Amino acid sequence: MMKWQGFYLSDHTASLNKVDREDEIKLNRRHSEQMALNEIESCLSQALEKSQVVRVERSLQDQNGYVAPFIEGKIEGYYQDKLMIGGEFIAINEIYAISLMK
């Protein structure tokens, strides 16, 4: 850490604040109630028909047990059992819950 006349340099404190915010979001991220496969399929078909933005909660966790970041975006396409949402391929069986965004 660098100080100048007793003050922390602003770039350094800004980056520390950003890391703190990211950690806070990661620690507080929780799944909503798990959805059944037929509910997920219904929501997906509605989003495709009306070209709506969805929010996907994957059933993945990192090595520390934290919930994976949610993915938001329009369904850009699909192939077999995978969807392209927000530039990422997501397997349908990885979806824990999905919701339509307004």
PDB file of N, CA and C in Angstrom:
ATOM      1  N   MET A   1       0.842  -1.180   0.000  1.00  0.00           N
ATOM      2  CA  MET A   1       0.000   0.000   0.000  1.00  0.00           C
ATOM      3  C   MET A   1       0.883   1.237   0.000  1.00  0.00           C
ATOM      4  N   MET A   2       0.491   2.194  -0.764  1.00  0.00           N
ATOM      5  CA  MET A   2       1.283   3.419  -0.825  1.00  0.00           C
ATOM      6  C   MET A   2       0.505   4.561  -0.183  1.00  0.00           C
ATOM      7  N   LYS A   3       1.236   5.335   0.580  1.00  0.00           N
ATOM      8  CA  LYS A   3       0.635   6.519   1.192  1.00  0.00           C
ATOM      9  C   LYS A   3       1.381   7.743   0.694  1.00  0.00           C
ATOM     10  N   TRP A   4       0.676   8.792   0.641  1.00  0.00           N
ATOM     11  CA  TRP A   4       1.292  10.065   0.321  1.00  0.00           C
ATOM     12  C   TRP A   4       0.787  11.055   1.345  1.00  0.00           C
ATOM     13  N   GLN A   5       1.651  11.550   2.167  1.00  0.00           N
ATOM     14  CA  GLN A   5       1.331  12.474   3.253  1.00  0.00           C
ATOM     15  C   GLN A   5       0.175  11.943   4.103  1.00  0.00           C
ATOM     16  N   GLY A   6       0.211  10.630   4.386  1.00  0.00           N
ATOM     17  CA  GLY A   6      -0.789  10.052   5.279  1.00  0.00           C
ATOM     18  C   GLY A   6      -2.092   9.656   4.612  1.00  0.00           C
ATOM     19  N   PHE A   7      -2.239   9.874   3.313  1.00  0.00           N
ATOM     20  CA  PHE A   7      -3.470   9.522   2.604  1.00  0.00           C
ATOM     21  C   PHE A   7      -3.203   8.338   1.676  1.00  0.00           C
ATOM     22  N   TYR A   8      -4.163   7.432   1.590  1.00  0.00           N
ATOM     23  CA  TYR A   8      -4.053   6.330   0.635  1.00  0.00           C
ATOM     24  C   TYR A   8      -4.303   6.868  -0.768  1.00  0.00           C
ATOM     25  N   LEU A   9      -3.602   6.326  -1.722  1.00  0.00           N
ATOM     26  CA  LEU A   9      -3.810   6.759  -3.097  1.00  0.00           C
ATOM     27  C   LEU A   9      -5.192   6.320  -3.570  1.00  0.00           C
ATOM     28  N   SER A  10      -5.887   7.196  -4.261  1.00  0.00           N
ATOM     29  CA  SER A  10      -7.290   6.960  -4.610  1.00  0.00           C
ATOM     30  C   SER A  10      -7.486   5.753  -5.523  1.00  0.00           C
ATOM     31  N   ASP A  11      -6.568   5.504  -6.450  1.00  0.00           N
ATOM     32  CA  ASP A  11      -6.716   4.338  -7.332  1.00  0.00           C
ATOM     33  C   ASP A  11      -6.699   3.046  -6.535  1.00  0.00           C
ATOM     34  N   HIS A  12      -5.831   3.004  -5.547  1.00  0.00           N
ATOM     35  CA  HIS A  12      -5.727   1.795  -4.729  1.00  0.00           C
ATOM     36  C   HIS A  12      -6.983   1.593  -3.884  1.00  0.00           C
ATOM     37  N   THR A  13      -7.469   2.660  -3.257  1.00  0.00           N
ATOM     38  CA  THR A  13      -8.676   2.520  -2.434  1.00  0.00           C
ATOM     39  C   THR A  13      -9.891   2.198  -3.301  1.00  0.00           C
ATOM     40  N   ALA A  14      -9.936   2.725  -4.513  1.00  0.00           N
ATOM     41  CA  ALA A  14     -11.052   2.413  -5.416  1.00  0.00           C
ATOM     42  C   ALA A  14     -11.037   0.931  -5.781  1.00  0.00           C
ATOM     43  N   SER A  15      -9.852   0.384  -6.046  1.00  0.00           N
ATOM     44  CA  SER A  15      -9.787  -1.042  -6.390  1.00  0.00           C
ATOM     45  C   SER A  15     -10.116  -1.911  -5.181  1.00  0.00           C
ATOM     46  N   LEU A  16      -9.724  -1.489  -3.979  1.00  0.00           N
ATOM     47  CA  LEU A  16     -10.093  -2.228  -2.766  1.00  0.00           C
ATOM     48  C   LEU A  16     -11.600  -2.215  -2.555  1.00  0.00           C
ATOM     49  N   ASN A  17     -12.235  -1.078  -2.798  1.00  0.00           N
ATOM     50  CA  ASN A  17     -13.689  -0.982  -2.653  1.00  0.00           C
ATOM     51  C   ASN A  17     -14.399  -1.877  -3.661  1.00  0.00           C
ATOM     52  N   LYS A  18     -13.869  -1.959  -4.880  1.00  0.00           N
ATOM     53  CA  LYS A  18     -14.471  -2.812  -5.905  1.00  0.00           C
ATOM     54  C   LYS A  18     -14.385  -4.276  -5.491  1.00  0.00           C
ATOM     55  N   VAL A  19     -13.245  -4.699  -4.984  1.00  0.00           N
ATOM     56  CA  VAL A  19     -13.073  -6.083  -4.524  1.00  0.00           C
ATOM     57  C   VAL A  19     -14.026  -6.374  -3.377  1.00  0.00           C
ATOM     58  N   ASP A  20     -14.176  -5.428  -2.452  1.00  0.00           N
ATOM     59  CA  ASP A  20     -15.099  -5.608  -1.327  1.00  0.00           C
ATOM     60  C   ASP A  20     -16.534  -5.775  -1.808  1.00  0.00           C
ATOM     61  N   ARG A  21     -16.959  -4.965  -2.791  1.00  0.00           N
ATOM     62  CA  ARG A  21     -18.318  -5.072  -3.332  1.00  0.00           C
ATOM     63  C   ARG A  21     -18.533  -6.421  -4.011  1.00  0.00           C
ATOM     64  N   GLU A  22     -17.539  -6.869  -4.785  1.00  0.00           N
ATOM     65  CA  GLU A  22     -17.655  -8.166  -5.466  1.00  0.00           C
ATOM     66  C   GLU A  22     -17.749  -9.309  -4.458  1.00  0.00           C
ATOM     67  N   ASP A  23     -16.952  -9.235  -3.398  1.00  0.00           N
ATOM     68  CA  ASP A  23     -17.009 -10.266  -2.353  1.00  0.00           C
ATOM     69  C   ASP A  23     -18.354 -10.261  -1.649  1.00  0.00           C
ATOM     70  N   GLU A  24     -18.887  -9.079  -1.390  1.00  0.00           N
ATOM     71  CA  GLU A  24     -20.190  -8.957  -0.724  1.00  0.00           C
ATOM     72  C   GLU A  24     -21.293  -9.586  -1.576  1.00  0.00           C
ATOM     73  N   ILE A  25     -21.267  -9.311  -2.876  1.00  0.00           N
ATOM     74  CA  ILE A  25     -22.266  -9.882  -3.787  1.00  0.00           C
ATOM     75  C   ILE A  25     -22.156 -11.404  -3.801  1.00  0.00           C
ATOM     76  N   LYS A  26     -20.932 -11.896  -3.878  1.00  0.00           N
ATOM     77  CA  LYS A  26     -20.703 -13.341  -3.932  1.00  0.00           C
ATOM     78  C   LYS A  26     -21.176 -14.027  -2.655  1.00  0.00           C
ATOM     79  N   LEU A  27     -20.908 -13.421  -1.511  1.00  0.00           N
ATOM     80  CA  LEU A  27     -21.301 -14.013  -0.232  1.00  0.00           C
ATOM     81  C   LEU A  27     -22.806 -14.008  -0.025  1.00  0.00           C
ATOM     82  N   ASN A  28     -23.503 -13.017  -0.572  1.00  0.00           N
ATOM     83  CA  ASN A  28     -24.943 -12.873  -0.352  1.00  0.00           C
ATOM     84  C   ASN A  28     -25.800 -13.488  -1.455  1.00  0.00           C
ATOM     85  N   ARG A  29     -25.182 -14.027  -2.512  1.00  0.00           N
ATOM     86  CA  ARG A  29     -25.943 -14.612  -3.613  1.00  0.00           C
ATOM     87  C   ARG A  29     -26.591 -15.912  -3.137  1.00  0.00           C
ATOM     88  N   ARG A  30     -27.909 -16.003  -3.287  1.00  0.00           N
ATOM     89  CA  ARG A  30     -28.658 -17.193  -2.865  1.00  0.00           C
ATOM     90  C   ARG A  30     -29.582 -17.633  -3.996  1.00  0.00           C
ATOM     91  N   HIS A  31     -29.824 -18.942  -4.048  1.00  0.00           N
ATOM     92  CA  HIS A  31     -30.782 -19.477  -5.012  1.00  0.00           C
ATOM     93  C   HIS A  31     -32.200 -19.156  -4.569  1.00  0.00           C
ATOM     94  N   SER A  32     -33.077 -18.972  -5.542  1.00  0.00           N
ATOM     95  CA  SER A  32     -34.501 -18.947  -5.239  1.00  0.00           C
ATOM     96  C   SER A  32     -34.948 -20.406  -5.153  1.00  0.00           C
ATOM     97  N   GLU A  33     -36.234 -20.643  -5.062  1.00  0.00           N
ATOM     98  CA  GLU A  33     -36.730 -22.017  -4.950  1.00  0.00           C
ATOM     99  C   GLU A  33     -36.451 -22.793  -6.240  1.00  0.00           C
ATOM    100  N   GLN A  34     -36.019 -24.043  -6.094  1.00  0.00           N
ATOM    101  CA  GLN A  34     -35.711 -24.866  -7.260  1.00  0.00           C
ATOM    102  C   GLN A  34     -36.977 -25.150  -8.061  1.00  0.00           C
ATOM    103  N   MET A  35     -36.843 -25.066  -9.391  1.00  0.00           N
ATOM    104  CA  MET A  35     -37.980 -25.274 -10.278  1.00  0.00           C
ATOM    105  C   MET A  35     -37.952 -26.680 -10.862  1.00  0.00           C
ATOM    106  N   ALA A  36     -39.141 -27.209 -11.138  1.00  0.00           N
ATOM    107  CA  ALA A  36     -39.267 -28.501 -11.816  1.00  0.00           C
ATOM    108  C   ALA A  36     -38.947 -28.313 -13.297  1.00  0.00           C
ATOM    109  N   LEU A  37     -38.576 -29.384 -13.948  1.00  0.00           N
ATOM    110  CA  LEU A  37     -38.196 -29.318 -15.357  1.00  0.00           C
ATOM    111  C   LEU A  37     -39.322 -28.779 -16.231  1.00  0.00           C
ATOM    112  N   ASN A  38     -40.572 -29.163 -15.953  1.00  0.00           N
ATOM    113  CA  ASN A  38     -41.687 -28.660 -16.779  1.00  0.00           C
ATOM    114  C   ASN A  38     -41.888 -27.158 -16.583  1.00  0.00           C
ATOM    115  N   GLU A  39     -41.626 -26.631 -15.387  1.00  0.00           N
ATOM    116  CA  GLU A  39     -41.713 -25.180 -15.155  1.00  0.00           C
ATOM    117  C   GLU A  39     -40.611 -24.452 -15.923  1.00  0.00           C
ATOM    118  N   ILE A  40     -39.421 -25.023 -15.914  1.00  0.00           N
ATOM    119  CA  ILE A  40     -38.298 -24.425 -16.642  1.00  0.00           C
ATOM    120  C   ILE A  40     -38.602 -24.395 -18.136  1.00  0.00           C
ATOM    121  N   GLU A  41     -39.099 -25.504 -18.669  1.00  0.00           N
ATOM    122  CA  GLU A  41     -39.426 -25.571 -20.099  1.00  0.00           C
ATOM    123  C   GLU A  41     -40.527 -24.588 -20.475  1.00  0.00           C
ATOM    124  N   SER A  42     -41.517 -24.421 -19.605  1.00  0.00           N
ATOM    125  CA  SER A  42     -42.600 -23.470 -19.854  1.00  0.00           C
ATOM    126  C   SER A  42     -42.063 -22.042 -19.909  1.00  0.00           C
ATOM    127  N   CYS A  43     -41.207 -21.712 -18.976  1.00  0.00           N
ATOM    128  CA  CYS A  43     -40.616 -20.372 -18.930  1.00  0.00           C
ATOM    129  C   CYS A  43     -39.732 -20.128 -20.159  1.00  0.00           C
ATOM    130  N   LEU A  44     -38.972 -21.138 -20.552  1.00  0.00           N
ATOM    131  CA  LEU A  44     -38.115 -21.017 -21.732  1.00  0.00           C
ATOM    132  C   LEU A  44     -38.933 -20.804 -23.001  1.00  0.00           C
ATOM    133  N   SER A  45     -40.015 -21.552 -23.151  1.00  0.00           N
ATOM    134  CA  SER A  45     -40.831 -21.402 -24.362  1.00  0.00           C
ATOM    135  C   SER A  45     -41.487 -20.028 -24.413  1.00  0.00           C
ATOM    136  N   GLN A  46     -41.932 -19.525 -23.262  1.00  0.00           N
ATOM    137  CA  GLN A  46     -42.526 -18.188 -23.215  1.00  0.00           C
ATOM    138  C   GLN A  46     -41.480 -17.131 -23.571  1.00  0.00           C
ATOM    139  N   ALA A  47     -40.270 -17.284 -23.052  1.00  0.00           N
ATOM    140  CA  ALA A  47     -39.199 -16.326 -23.346  1.00  0.00           C
ATOM    141  C   ALA A  47     -38.835 -16.350 -24.826  1.00  0.00           C
ATOM    142  N   LEU A  48     -38.818 -17.528 -25.421  1.00  0.00           N
ATOM    143  CA  LEU A  48     -38.510 -17.635 -26.849  1.00  0.00           C
ATOM    144  C   LEU A  48     -39.606 -17.025 -27.708  1.00  0.00           C
ATOM    145  N   GLU A  49     -40.872 -17.299 -27.366  1.00  0.00           N
ATOM    146  CA  GLU A  49     -41.998 -16.783 -28.145  1.00  0.00           C
ATOM    147  C   GLU A  49     -42.059 -15.263 -28.117  1.00  0.00           C
ATOM    148  N   LYS A  50     -41.835 -14.684 -26.938  1.00  0.00           N
ATOM    149  CA  LYS A  50     -41.986 -13.239 -26.769  1.00  0.00           C
ATOM    150  C   LYS A  50     -40.659 -12.489 -26.789  1.00  0.00           C
ATOM    151  N   SER A  51     -39.558 -13.206 -27.036  1.00  0.00           N
ATOM    152  CA  SER A  51     -38.219 -12.606 -27.091  1.00  0.00           C
ATOM    153  C   SER A  51     -37.920 -11.785 -25.832  1.00  0.00           C
ATOM    154  N   GLN A  52     -38.155 -12.400 -24.681  1.00  0.00           N
ATOM    155  CA  GLN A  52     -37.955 -11.724 -23.402  1.00  0.00           C
ATOM    156  C   GLN A  52     -36.593 -12.058 -22.805  1.00  0.00           C
ATOM    157  N   VAL A  53     -36.128 -11.171 -21.950  1.00  0.00           N
ATOM    158  CA  VAL A  53     -34.880 -11.382 -21.214  1.00  0.00           C
ATOM    159  C   VAL A  53     -35.166 -12.314 -20.043  1.00  0.00           C
ATOM    160  N   VAL A  54     -34.261 -13.261 -19.824  1.00  0.00           N
ATOM    161  CA  VAL A  54     -34.408 -14.205 -18.716  1.00  0.00           C
ATOM    162  C   VAL A  54     -33.233 -14.067 -17.752  1.00  0.00           C
ATOM    163  N   ARG A  55     -33.469 -14.536 -16.544  1.00  0.00           N
ATOM    164  CA  ARG A  55     -32.411 -14.617 -15.529  1.00  0.00           C
ATOM    165  C   ARG A  55     -32.292 -16.085 -15.143  1.00  0.00           C
ATOM    166  N   VAL A  56     -31.124 -16.660 -15.371  1.00  0.00           N
ATOM    167  CA  VAL A  56     -30.902 -18.082 -15.134  1.00  0.00           C
ATOM    168  C   VAL A  56     -30.019 -18.273 -13.903  1.00  0.00           C
ATOM    169  N   GLU A  57     -30.493 -19.132 -13.008  1.00  0.00           N
ATOM    170  CA  GLU A  57     -29.701 -19.543 -11.853  1.00  0.00           C
ATOM    171  C   GLU A  57     -29.234 -20.964 -12.123  1.00  0.00           C
ATOM    172  N   ARG A  58     -27.937 -21.132 -12.257  1.00  0.00           N
ATOM    173  CA  ARG A  58     -27.395 -22.465 -12.513  1.00  0.00           C
ATOM    174  C   ARG A  58     -27.225 -23.227 -11.201  1.00  0.00           C
ATOM    175  N   SER A  59     -27.271 -24.536 -11.279  1.00  0.00           N
ATOM    176  CA  SER A  59     -27.132 -25.362 -10.081  1.00  0.00           C
ATOM    177  C   SER A  59     -25.668 -25.627  -9.750  1.00  0.00           C
ATOM    178  N   LEU A  60     -24.790 -24.776 -10.234  1.00  0.00           N
ATOM    179  CA  LEU A  60     -23.357 -24.932 -10.006  1.00  0.00           C
ATOM    180  C   LEU A  60     -22.913 -24.137  -8.787  1.00  0.00           C
ATOM    181  N   GLN A  61     -21.869 -24.644  -8.135  1.00  0.00           N
ATOM    182  CA  GLN A  61     -21.227 -23.932  -7.034  1.00  0.00           C
ATOM    183  C   GLN A  61     -19.725 -24.012  -7.248  1.00  0.00           C
ATOM    184  N   ASP A  62     -19.002 -23.018  -6.728  1.00  0.00           N
ATOM    185  CA  ASP A  62     -17.552 -23.082  -6.845  1.00  0.00           C
ATOM    186  C   ASP A  62     -16.980 -23.982  -5.750  1.00  0.00           C
ATOM    187  N   GLN A  63     -15.673 -24.087  -5.684  1.00  0.00           N
ATOM    188  CA  GLN A  63     -15.037 -25.007  -4.739  1.00  0.00           C
ATOM    189  C   GLN A  63     -15.270 -24.623  -3.286  1.00  0.00           C
ATOM    190  N   ASN A  64     -15.664 -23.386  -3.026  1.00  0.00           N
ATOM    191  CA  ASN A  64     -15.951 -22.947  -1.663  1.00  0.00           C
ATOM    192  C   ASN A  64     -17.435 -23.026  -1.324  1.00  0.00           C
ATOM    193  N   GLY A  65     -18.247 -23.513  -2.254  1.00  0.00           N
ATOM    194  CA  GLY A  65     -19.672 -23.665  -2.010  1.00  0.00           C
ATOM    195  C   GLY A  65     -20.506 -22.443  -2.344  1.00  0.00           C
ATOM    196  N   TYR A  66     -19.905 -21.431  -2.985  1.00  0.00           N
ATOM    197  CA  TYR A  66     -20.657 -20.235  -3.354  1.00  0.00           C
ATOM    198  C   TYR A  66     -21.451 -20.486  -4.632  1.00  0.00           C
ATOM    199  N   VAL A  67     -22.641 -19.923  -4.691  1.00  0.00           N
ATOM    200  CA  VAL A  67     -23.518 -20.064  -5.849  1.00  0.00           C
ATOM    201  C   VAL A  67     -22.894 -19.352  -7.049  1.00  0.00           C
ATOM    202  N   ALA A  68     -22.967 -19.991  -8.210  1.00  0.00           N
ATOM    203  CA  ALA A  68     -22.424 -19.411  -9.442  1.00  0.00           C
ATOM    204  C   ALA A  68     -23.184 -18.135  -9.801  1.00  0.00           C
ATOM    205  N   PRO A  69     -22.523 -17.176 -10.442  1.00  0.00           N
ATOM    206  CA  PRO A  69     -23.214 -15.940 -10.840  1.00  0.00           C
ATOM    207  C   PRO A  69     -24.410 -16.233 -11.738  1.00  0.00           C
ATOM    208  N   PHE A  70     -25.463 -15.442 -11.566  1.00  0.00           N
ATOM    209  CA  PHE A  70     -26.653 -15.586 -12.394  1.00  0.00           C
ATOM    210  C   PHE A  70     -26.357 -15.007 -13.774  1.00  0.00           C
ATOM    211  N   ILE A  71     -27.035 -15.540 -14.765  1.00  0.00           N
ATOM    212  CA  ILE A  71     -26.845 -15.078 -16.137  1.00  0.00           C
ATOM    213  C   ILE A  71     -28.140 -14.446 -16.610  1.00  0.00           C
ATOM    214  N   GLU A  72     -28.031 -13.233 -17.153  1.00  0.00           N
ATOM    215  CA  GLU A  72     -29.198 -12.524 -17.674  1.00  0.00           C
ATOM    216  C   GLU A  72     -28.988 -12.236 -19.151  1.00  0.00           C
ATOM    217  N   GLY A  73     -30.058 -12.357 -19.908  1.00  0.00           N
ATOM    218  CA  GLY A  73     -29.993 -12.034 -21.324  1.00  0.00           C
ATOM    219  C   GLY A  73     -31.106 -12.719 -22.091  1.00  0.00           C
ATOM    220  N   LYS A  74     -31.179 -12.395 -23.367  1.00  0.00           N
ATOM    221  CA  LYS A  74     -32.153 -13.056 -24.235  1.00  0.00           C
ATOM    222  C   LYS A  74     -31.590 -14.403 -24.663  1.00  0.00           C
ATOM    223  N   ILE A  75     -32.489 -15.325 -24.940  1.00  0.00           N
ATOM    224  CA  ILE A  75     -32.076 -16.626 -25.449  1.00  0.00           C
ATOM    225  C   ILE A  75     -31.695 -16.419 -26.911  1.00  0.00           C
ATOM    226  N   GLU A  76     -30.396 -16.521 -27.178  1.00  0.00           N
ATOM    227  CA  GLU A  76     -29.880 -16.233 -28.508  1.00  0.00           C
ATOM    228  C   GLU A  76     -29.984 -17.426 -29.441  1.00  0.00           C
ATOM    229  N   GLY A  77     -30.114 -18.605 -28.869  1.00  0.00           N
ATOM    230  CA  GLY A  77     -30.222 -19.807 -29.680  1.00  0.00           C
ATOM    231  C   GLY A  77     -30.139 -21.042 -28.805  1.00  0.00           C
ATOM    232  N   TYR A  78     -30.271 -22.178 -29.443  1.00  0.00           N
ATOM    233  CA  TYR A  78     -30.161 -23.433 -28.702  1.00  0.00           C
ATOM    234  C   TYR A  78     -29.704 -24.531 -29.646  1.00  0.00           C
ATOM    235  N   TYR A  79     -29.087 -25.546 -29.066  1.00  0.00           N
ATOM    236  CA  TYR A  79     -28.647 -26.713 -29.817  1.00  0.00           C
ATOM    237  C   TYR A  79     -28.744 -27.910 -28.896  1.00  0.00           C
ATOM    238  N   GLN A  80     -29.536 -28.886 -29.287  1.00  0.00           N
ATOM    239  CA  GLN A  80     -29.791 -30.094 -28.500  1.00  0.00           C
ATOM    240  C   GLN A  80     -30.237 -29.708 -27.089  1.00  0.00           C
ATOM    241  N   ASP A  81     -29.417 -29.943 -26.073  1.00  0.00           N
ATOM    242  CA  ASP A  81     -29.834 -29.648 -24.696  1.00  0.00           C
ATOM    243  C   ASP A  81     -29.128 -28.426 -24.121  1.00  0.00           C
ATOM    244  N   LYS A  82     -28.586 -27.559 -24.986  1.00  0.00           N
ATOM    245  CA  LYS A  82     -27.871 -26.367 -24.525  1.00  0.00           C
ATOM    246  C   LYS A  82     -28.526 -25.106 -25.075  1.00  0.00           C
ATOM    247  N   LEU A  83     -28.522 -24.068 -24.243  1.00  0.00           N
ATOM    248  CA  LEU A  83     -29.048 -22.760 -24.629  1.00  0.00           C
ATOM    249  C   LEU A  83     -27.909 -21.759 -24.694  1.00  0.00           C
ATOM    250  N   MET A  84     -28.023 -20.781 -25.584  1.00  0.00           N
ATOM    251  CA  MET A  84     -27.068 -19.681 -25.634  1.00  0.00           C
ATOM    252  C   MET A  84     -27.764 -18.470 -25.039  1.00  0.00           C
ATOM    253  N   ILE A  85     -27.302 -18.056 -23.855  1.00  0.00           N
ATOM    254  CA  ILE A  85     -27.878 -16.902 -23.165  1.00  0.00           C
ATOM    255  C   ILE A  85     -26.739 -15.999 -22.727  1.00  0.00           C
ATOM    256  N   GLY A  86     -26.821 -14.743 -23.097  1.00  0.00           N
ATOM    257  CA  GLY A  86     -25.791 -13.794 -22.691  1.00  0.00           C
ATOM    258  C   GLY A  86     -24.396 -14.197 -23.130  1.00  0.00           C
ATOM    259  N   GLY A  87     -24.296 -14.856 -24.274  1.00  0.00           N
ATOM    260  CA  GLY A  87     -22.993 -15.250 -24.793  1.00  0.00           C
ATOM    261  C   GLY A  87     -22.420 -16.513 -24.172  1.00  0.00           C
ATOM    262  N   GLU A  88     -23.190 -17.199 -23.344  1.00  0.00           N
ATOM    263  CA  GLU A  88     -22.724 -18.434 -22.705  1.00  0.00           C
ATOM    264  C   GLU A  88     -23.646 -19.594 -23.046  1.00  0.00           C
ATOM    265  N   PHE A  89     -23.059 -20.766 -23.243  1.00  0.00           N
ATOM    266  CA  PHE A  89     -23.851 -21.979 -23.413  1.00  0.00           C
ATOM    267  C   PHE A  89     -24.190 -22.532 -22.039  1.00  0.00           C
ATOM    268  N   ILE A  90     -25.456 -22.863 -21.839  1.00  0.00           N
ATOM    269  CA  ILE A  90     -25.927 -23.405 -20.569  1.00  0.00           C
ATOM    270  C   ILE A  90     -26.712 -24.676 -20.864  1.00  0.00           C
ATOM    271  N   ALA A  91     -26.329 -25.761 -20.223  1.00  0.00           N
ATOM    272  CA  ALA A  91     -27.073 -27.015 -20.370  1.00  0.00           C
ATOM    273  C   ALA A  91     -28.389 -26.887 -19.608  1.00  0.00           C
ATOM    274  N   ILE A  92     -29.466 -27.371 -20.191  1.00  0.00           N
ATOM    275  CA  ILE A  92     -30.783 -27.259 -19.556  1.00  0.00           C
ATOM    276  C   ILE A  92     -30.803 -27.961 -18.205  1.00  0.00           C
ATOM    277  N   ASN A  93     -30.068 -29.075 -18.074  1.00  0.00           N
ATOM    278  CA  ASN A  93     -30.062 -29.777 -16.787  1.00  0.00           C
ATOM    279  C   ASN A  93     -29.245 -29.054 -15.713  1.00  0.00           C
ATOM    280  N   GLU A  94     -28.510 -27.980 -16.077  1.00  0.00           N
ATOM    281  CA  GLU A  94     -27.788 -27.155 -15.103  1.00  0.00           C
ATOM    282  C   GLU A  94     -28.670 -26.052 -14.520  1.00  0.00           C
ATOM    283  N   ILE A  95     -29.846 -25.835 -15.101  1.00  0.00           N
ATOM    284  CA  ILE A  95     -30.701 -24.733 -14.663  1.00  0.00           C
ATOM    285  C   ILE A  95     -31.401 -25.116 -13.363  1.00  0.00           C
ATOM    286  N   TYR A  96     -31.165 -24.316 -12.333  1.00  0.00           N
ATOM    287  CA  TYR A  96     -31.785 -24.508 -11.021  1.00  0.00           C
ATOM    288  C   TYR A  96     -33.131 -23.798 -10.984  1.00  0.00           C
ATOM    289  N   ALA A  97     -33.124 -22.567 -11.509  1.00  0.00           N
ATOM    290  CA  ALA A  97     -34.344 -21.758 -11.597  1.00  0.00           C
ATOM    291  C   ALA A  97     -34.155 -20.745 -12.720  1.00  0.00           C
ATOM    292  N   ILE A  98     -35.273 -20.293 -13.266  1.00  0.00           N
ATOM    293  CA  ILE A  98     -35.238 -19.299 -14.337  1.00  0.00           C
ATOM    294  C   ILE A  98     -36.427 -18.371 -14.153  1.00  0.00           C
ATOM    295  N   SER A  99     -36.221 -17.098 -14.466  1.00  0.00           N
ATOM    296  CA  SER A  99     -37.328 -16.145 -14.362  1.00  0.00           C
ATOM    297  C   SER A  99     -37.276 -15.184 -15.537  1.00  0.00           C
ATOM    298  N   LEU A 100     -38.442 -14.670 -15.897  1.00  0.00           N
ATOM    299  CA  LEU A 100     -38.546 -13.675 -16.960  1.00  0.00           C
ATOM    300  C   LEU A 100     -38.308 -12.304 -16.360  1.00  0.00           C
ATOM    301  N   MET A 101     -37.480 -11.511 -17.010  1.00  0.00           N
ATOM    302  CA  MET A 101     -37.195 -10.152 -16.549  1.00  0.00           C
ATOM    303  C   MET A 101     -38.169  -9.190 -17.224  1.00  0.00           C
ATOM    304  N   LYS A 102     -38.509  -8.138 -16.532  1.00  0.00           N
ATOM    305  CA  LYS A 102     -39.445  -7.153 -17.083  1.00  0.00           C
ATOM    306  C   LYS A 102     -38.720  -5.949 -17.593  1.00  0.00           C
TER     307      LYS A 102
END
